[in-house]
Structure formats: C-alpha cells, structure tokens
Amino acid sequence: MFTYKGAYEGFYPVYDYIYNVCLFGYKFDLADKPALEWYVKSPPFYKPENYVTDFYVPIK
C-alpha cells in the first residue's frame, strides 16, 4: 500500500513512482488485476491539498 496526500491531479506521478521506482528491481510478480484507490479524505469535506488516497497494487 502507498499513501498519497494532495490533489488528484498528482496521481500520475504516484503511479509512475510505484511501478517504475518502488517495484522496479524487486522480484514481485504483478497480479493480473487493477490497482485500487481508496479515498481516505476526499471532497466535499476536505480541500484538494488535504486529500488522502491509499493505492493498493496487486502482486502475486
């Protein structure tokens, strides 16, 4: 699981970091399933800079 704090426009760099930095070089096999996003703090209760999203990447 990876946690990101900030506006949703920042998701692309998060996914890039997860797949190309964190998982690169490790012996993980990615499962043939989509990644999941869990919106911990989201609109309309929080400002975009305070959004919190957890990213779950399926591995075997």
PDB file of N, CA and C in Angstrom:
ATOM      1  N   MET A   1       0.846  -1.173   0.000  1.00  0.00           N
ATOM      2  CA  MET A   1       0.000   0.000   0.000  1.00  0.00           C
ATOM      3  C   MET A   1       0.894   1.239   0.000  1.00  0.00           C
ATOM      4  N   PHE A   2       0.466   2.234  -0.732  1.00  0.00           N
ATOM      5  CA  PHE A   2       1.152   3.515  -0.808  1.00  0.00           C
ATOM      6  C   PHE A   2       0.138   4.598  -0.480  1.00  0.00           C
ATOM      7  N   THR A   3       0.526   5.573   0.313  1.00  0.00           N
ATOM      8  CA  THR A   3      -0.369   6.664   0.681  1.00  0.00           C
ATOM      9  C   THR A   3       0.114   7.959   0.045  1.00  0.00           C
ATOM     10  N   TYR A   4      -0.827   8.704  -0.515  1.00  0.00           N
ATOM     11  CA  TYR A   4      -0.531   9.982  -1.170  1.00  0.00           C
ATOM     12  C   TYR A   4      -1.412  11.058  -0.559  1.00  0.00           C
ATOM     13  N   LYS A   5      -0.822  12.210  -0.270  1.00  0.00           N
ATOM     14  CA  LYS A   5      -1.590  13.354   0.214  1.00  0.00           C
ATOM     15  C   LYS A   5      -1.478  14.469  -0.812  1.00  0.00           C
ATOM     16  N   GLY A   6      -2.622  14.917  -1.309  1.00  0.00           N
ATOM     17  CA  GLY A   6      -2.642  16.009  -2.275  1.00  0.00           C
ATOM     18  C   GLY A   6      -3.776  15.859  -3.260  1.00  0.00           C
ATOM     19  N   ALA A   7      -3.829  16.796  -4.192  1.00  0.00           N
ATOM     20  CA  ALA A   7      -4.897  16.829  -5.197  1.00  0.00           C
ATOM     21  C   ALA A   7      -4.807  15.629  -6.135  1.00  0.00           C
ATOM     22  N   TYR A   8      -5.926  15.275  -6.709  1.00  0.00           N
ATOM     23  CA  TYR A   8      -5.997  14.106  -7.594  1.00  0.00           C
ATOM     24  C   TYR A   8      -5.163  14.273  -8.861  1.00  0.00           C
ATOM     25  N   GLU A   9      -4.863  15.501  -9.238  1.00  0.00           N
ATOM     26  CA  GLU A   9      -4.030  15.726 -10.420  1.00  0.00           C
ATOM     27  C   GLU A   9      -2.630  15.141 -10.254  1.00  0.00           C
ATOM     28  N   GLY A  10      -2.241  14.826  -9.030  1.00  0.00           N
ATOM     29  CA  GLY A  10      -0.916  14.268  -8.772  1.00  0.00           C
ATOM     30  C   GLY A  10      -0.844  12.763  -8.865  1.00  0.00           C
ATOM     31  N   PHE A  11      -1.911  12.105  -9.293  1.00  0.00           N
ATOM     32  CA  PHE A  11      -1.919  10.638  -9.338  1.00  0.00           C
ATOM     33  C   PHE A  11      -0.926  10.057 -10.335  1.00  0.00           C
ATOM     34  N   TYR A  12      -0.760  10.684 -11.490  1.00  0.00           N
ATOM     35  CA  TYR A  12       0.143  10.110 -12.493  1.00  0.00           C
ATOM     36  C   TYR A  12       1.559   9.941 -11.947  1.00  0.00           C
ATOM     37  N   PRO A  13       2.149  10.962 -11.311  1.00  0.00           N
ATOM     38  CA  PRO A  13       3.488  10.762 -10.744  1.00  0.00           C
ATOM     39  C   PRO A  13       3.525   9.694  -9.653  1.00  0.00           C
ATOM     40  N   VAL A  14       2.429   9.536  -8.923  1.00  0.00           N
ATOM     41  CA  VAL A  14       2.383   8.496  -7.888  1.00  0.00           C
ATOM     42  C   VAL A  14       2.464   7.117  -8.531  1.00  0.00           C
ATOM     43  N   TYR A  15       1.638   6.874  -9.539  1.00  0.00           N
ATOM     44  CA  TYR A  15       1.682   5.578 -10.223  1.00  0.00           C
ATOM     45  C   TYR A  15       3.033   5.348 -10.887  1.00  0.00           C
ATOM     46  N   ASP A  16       3.605   6.381 -11.470  1.00  0.00           N
ATOM     47  CA  ASP A  16       4.922   6.265 -12.086  1.00  0.00           C
ATOM     48  C   ASP A  16       5.955   5.859 -11.038  1.00  0.00           C
ATOM     49  N   TYR A  17       5.916   6.488  -9.887  1.00  0.00           N
ATOM     50  CA  TYR A  17       6.853   6.167  -8.807  1.00  0.00           C
ATOM     51  C   TYR A  17       6.655   4.734  -8.310  1.00  0.00           C
ATOM     52  N   ILE A  18       5.408   4.333  -8.110  1.00  0.00           N
ATOM     53  CA  ILE A  18       5.125   2.985  -7.610  1.00  0.00           C
ATOM     54  C   ILE A  18       5.664   1.930  -8.566  1.00  0.00           C
ATOM     55  N   TYR A  19       5.295   2.038  -9.841  1.00  0.00           N
ATOM     56  CA  TYR A  19       5.638   0.984 -10.795  1.00  0.00           C
ATOM     57  C   TYR A  19       7.072   1.057 -11.302  1.00  0.00           C
ATOM     58  N   ASN A  20       7.628   2.259 -11.431  1.00  0.00           N
ATOM     59  CA  ASN A  20       8.947   2.390 -12.049  1.00  0.00           C
ATOM     60  C   ASN A  20      10.088   2.616 -11.074  1.00  0.00           C
ATOM     61  N   VAL A  21       9.777   2.902  -9.818  1.00  0.00           N
ATOM     62  CA  VAL A  21      10.829   3.090  -8.818  1.00  0.00           C
ATOM     63  C   VAL A  21      10.702   2.043  -7.715  1.00  0.00           C
ATOM     64  N   CYS A  22       9.555   2.015  -7.054  1.00  0.00           N
ATOM     65  CA  CYS A  22       9.393   1.111  -5.907  1.00  0.00           C
ATOM     66  C   CYS A  22       9.413  -0.361  -6.300  1.00  0.00           C
ATOM     67  N   LEU A  23       8.689  -0.718  -7.339  1.00  0.00           N
ATOM     68  CA  LEU A  23       8.587  -2.131  -7.710  1.00  0.00           C
ATOM     69  C   LEU A  23       9.662  -2.569  -8.690  1.00  0.00           C
ATOM     70  N   PHE A  24      10.363  -1.620  -9.306  1.00  0.00           N
ATOM     71  CA  PHE A  24      11.404  -1.954 -10.275  1.00  0.00           C
ATOM     72  C   PHE A  24      12.571  -2.619  -9.556  1.00  0.00           C
ATOM     73  N   GLY A  25      12.989  -3.738 -10.062  1.00  0.00           N
ATOM     74  CA  GLY A  25      14.136  -4.429  -9.491  1.00  0.00           C
ATOM     75  C   GLY A  25      13.794  -5.433  -8.414  1.00  0.00           C
ATOM     76  N   TYR A  26      12.567  -5.423  -7.933  1.00  0.00           N
ATOM     77  CA  TYR A  26      12.153  -6.416  -6.949  1.00  0.00           C
ATOM     78  C   TYR A  26      11.600  -7.631  -7.672  1.00  0.00           C
ATOM     79  N   LYS A  27      11.565  -8.732  -6.990  1.00  0.00           N
ATOM     80  CA  LYS A  27      11.115  -9.986  -7.597  1.00  0.00           C
ATOM     81  C   LYS A  27       9.607 -10.196  -7.452  1.00  0.00           C
ATOM     82  N   PHE A  28       8.860  -9.107  -7.406  1.00  0.00           N
ATOM     83  CA  PHE A  28       7.410  -9.216  -7.323  1.00  0.00           C
ATOM     84  C   PHE A  28       6.839  -9.485  -8.702  1.00  0.00           C
ATOM     85  N   ASP A  29       5.861 -10.356  -8.753  1.00  0.00           N
ATOM     86  CA  ASP A  29       5.083 -10.543  -9.971  1.00  0.00           C
ATOM     87  C   ASP A  29       3.765  -9.812  -9.772  1.00  0.00           C
ATOM     88  N   LEU A  30       3.448  -8.925 -10.688  1.00  0.00           N
ATOM     89  CA  LEU A  30       2.184  -8.211 -10.587  1.00  0.00           C
ATOM     90  C   LEU A  30       1.042  -9.144 -10.939  1.00  0.00           C
ATOM     91  N   ALA A  31      -0.016  -9.090 -10.160  1.00  0.00           N
ATOM     92  CA  ALA A  31      -1.208  -9.876 -10.440  1.00  0.00           C
ATOM     93  C   ALA A  31      -1.953  -9.237 -11.609  1.00  0.00           C
ATOM     94  N   ASP A  32      -2.689 -10.033 -12.333  1.00  0.00           N
ATOM     95  CA  ASP A  32      -3.446  -9.542 -13.483  1.00  0.00           C
ATOM     96  C   ASP A  32      -4.775  -8.955 -13.006  1.00  0.00           C
ATOM     97  N   LYS A  33      -4.667  -7.938 -12.169  1.00  0.00           N
ATOM     98  CA  LYS A  33      -5.828  -7.254 -11.609  1.00  0.00           C
ATOM     99  C   LYS A  33      -5.506  -5.768 -11.556  1.00  0.00           C
ATOM    100  N   PRO A  34      -6.526  -4.930 -11.542  1.00  0.00           N
ATOM    101  CA  PRO A  34      -6.260  -3.491 -11.497  1.00  0.00           C
ATOM    102  C   PRO A  34      -5.806  -3.040 -10.111  1.00  0.00           C
ATOM    103  N   ALA A  35      -5.063  -1.960 -10.084  1.00  0.00           N
ATOM    104  CA  ALA A  35      -4.726  -1.318  -8.817  1.00  0.00           C
ATOM    105  C   ALA A  35      -6.001  -0.673  -8.267  1.00  0.00           C
ATOM    106  N   LEU A  36      -6.037  -0.500  -6.960  1.00  0.00           N
ATOM    107  CA  LEU A  36      -7.205   0.101  -6.325  1.00  0.00           C
ATOM    108  C   LEU A  36      -6.809   1.398  -5.639  1.00  0.00           C
ATOM    109  N   GLU A  37      -7.721   2.335  -5.628  1.00  0.00           N
ATOM    110  CA  GLU A  37      -7.529   3.606  -4.940  1.00  0.00           C
ATOM    111  C   GLU A  37      -8.595   3.720  -3.854  1.00  0.00           C
ATOM    112  N   TRP A  38      -8.144   3.966  -2.627  1.00  0.00           N
ATOM    113  CA  TRP A  38      -9.067   4.147  -1.511  1.00  0.00           C
ATOM    114  C   TRP A  38      -8.981   5.612  -1.099  1.00  0.00           C
ATOM    115  N   TYR A  39     -10.089   6.325  -1.227  1.00  0.00           N
ATOM    116  CA  TYR A  39     -10.120   7.755  -0.944  1.00  0.00           C
ATOM    117  C   TYR A  39     -10.401   7.964   0.544  1.00  0.00           C
ATOM    118  N   VAL A  40      -9.344   8.142   1.318  1.00  0.00           N
ATOM    119  CA  VAL A  40      -9.437   8.255   2.772  1.00  0.00           C
ATOM    120  C   VAL A  40     -10.037   9.602   3.167  1.00  0.00           C
ATOM    121  N   LYS A  41      -9.521  10.664   2.585  1.00  0.00           N
ATOM    122  CA  LYS A  41     -10.056  12.019   2.805  1.00  0.00           C
ATOM    123  C   LYS A  41     -10.316  12.615   1.432  1.00  0.00           C
ATOM    124  N   SER A  42     -11.574  12.911   1.148  1.00  0.00           N
ATOM    125  CA  SER A  42     -11.945  13.340  -0.202  1.00  0.00           C
ATOM    126  C   SER A  42     -13.026  14.416  -0.141  1.00  0.00           C
ATOM    127  N   PRO A  43     -13.378  14.991  -1.312  1.00  0.00           N
ATOM    128  CA  PRO A  43     -14.411  16.025  -1.333  1.00  0.00           C
ATOM    129  C   PRO A  43     -15.754  15.448  -0.882  1.00  0.00           C
ATOM    130  N   PRO A  44     -16.623  16.238  -0.376  1.00  0.00           N
ATOM    131  CA  PRO A  44     -16.582  17.693  -0.238  1.00  0.00           C
ATOM    132  C   PRO A  44     -16.048  18.170   1.114  1.00  0.00           C
ATOM    133  N   PHE A  45     -15.522  17.263   1.926  1.00  0.00           N
ATOM    134  CA  PHE A  45     -15.152  17.614   3.296  1.00  0.00           C
ATOM    135  C   PHE A  45     -13.750  18.186   3.452  1.00  0.00           C
ATOM    136  N   TYR A  46     -12.906  18.033   2.446  1.00  0.00           N
ATOM    137  CA  TYR A  46     -11.510  18.470   2.543  1.00  0.00           C
ATOM    138  C   TYR A  46     -11.111  19.277   1.313  1.00  0.00           C
ATOM    139  N   LYS A  47     -10.118  20.116   1.482  1.00  0.00           N
ATOM    140  CA  LYS A  47      -9.549  20.863   0.357  1.00  0.00           C
ATOM    141  C   LYS A  47      -8.624  19.930  -0.418  1.00  0.00           C
ATOM    142  N   PRO A  48      -8.425  20.177  -1.721  1.00  0.00           N
ATOM    143  CA  PRO A  48      -7.593  19.280  -2.539  1.00  0.00           C
ATOM    144  C   PRO A  48      -6.203  19.016  -1.974  1.00  0.00           C
ATOM    145  N   GLU A  49      -5.578  20.005  -1.380  1.00  0.00           N
ATOM    146  CA  GLU A  49      -4.235  19.782  -0.846  1.00  0.00           C
ATOM    147  C   GLU A  49      -4.228  18.869   0.382  1.00  0.00           C
ATOM    148  N   ASN A  50      -5.413  18.611   0.951  1.00  0.00           N
ATOM    149  CA  ASN A  50      -5.521  17.738   2.119  1.00  0.00           C
ATOM    150  C   ASN A  50      -6.141  16.377   1.808  1.00  0.00           C
ATOM    151  N   TYR A  51      -6.421  16.105   0.544  1.00  0.00           N
ATOM    152  CA  TYR A  51      -6.950  14.791   0.179  1.00  0.00           C
ATOM    153  C   TYR A  51      -5.911  13.730   0.531  1.00  0.00           C
ATOM    154  N   VAL A  52      -6.385  12.583   0.981  1.00  0.00           N
ATOM    155  CA  VAL A  52      -5.501  11.445   1.261  1.00  0.00           C
ATOM    156  C   VAL A  52      -6.048  10.244   0.505  1.00  0.00           C
ATOM    157  N   THR A  53      -5.188   9.602  -0.252  1.00  0.00           N
ATOM    158  CA  THR A  53      -5.573   8.442  -1.053  1.00  0.00           C
ATOM    159  C   THR A  53      -4.572   7.324  -0.817  1.00  0.00           C
ATOM    160  N   ASP A  54      -5.085   6.123  -0.578  1.00  0.00           N
ATOM    161  CA  ASP A  54      -4.242   4.930  -0.468  1.00  0.00           C
ATOM    162  C   ASP A  54      -4.297   4.176  -1.788  1.00  0.00           C
ATOM    163  N   PHE A  55      -3.141   3.742  -2.266  1.00  0.00           N
ATOM    164  CA  PHE A  55      -3.030   2.980  -3.508  1.00  0.00           C
ATOM    165  C   PHE A  55      -2.644   1.548  -3.167  1.00  0.00           C
ATOM    166  N   TYR A  56      -3.400   0.608  -3.679  1.00  0.00           N
ATOM    167  CA  TYR A  56      -3.125  -0.815  -3.475  1.00  0.00           C
ATOM    168  C   TYR A  56      -2.754  -1.426  -4.820  1.00  0.00           C
ATOM    169  N   VAL A  57      -1.570  -2.013  -4.880  1.00  0.00           N
ATOM    170  CA  VAL A  57      -1.077  -2.615  -6.114  1.00  0.00           C
ATOM    171  C   VAL A  57      -1.080  -4.127  -5.925  1.00  0.00           C
ATOM    172  N   PRO A  58      -1.824  -4.866  -6.745  1.00  0.00           N
ATOM    173  CA  PRO A  58      -1.912  -6.318  -6.570  1.00  0.00           C
ATOM    174  C   PRO A  58      -0.638  -7.029  -7.038  1.00  0.00           C
ATOM    175  N   ILE A  59      -0.078  -7.816  -6.152  1.00  0.00           N
ATOM    176  CA  ILE A  59       1.077  -8.643  -6.507  1.00  0.00           C
ATOM    177  C   ILE A  59       0.757 -10.092  -6.170  1.00  0.00           C
ATOM    178  N   LYS A  60       1.493 -10.991  -6.816  1.00  0.00           N
ATOM    179  CA  LYS A  60       1.280 -12.423  -6.567  1.00  0.00           C
ATOM    180  C   LYS A  60       2.085 -12.857  -5.366  1.00  0.00           C
TER     181      LYS A  60
END
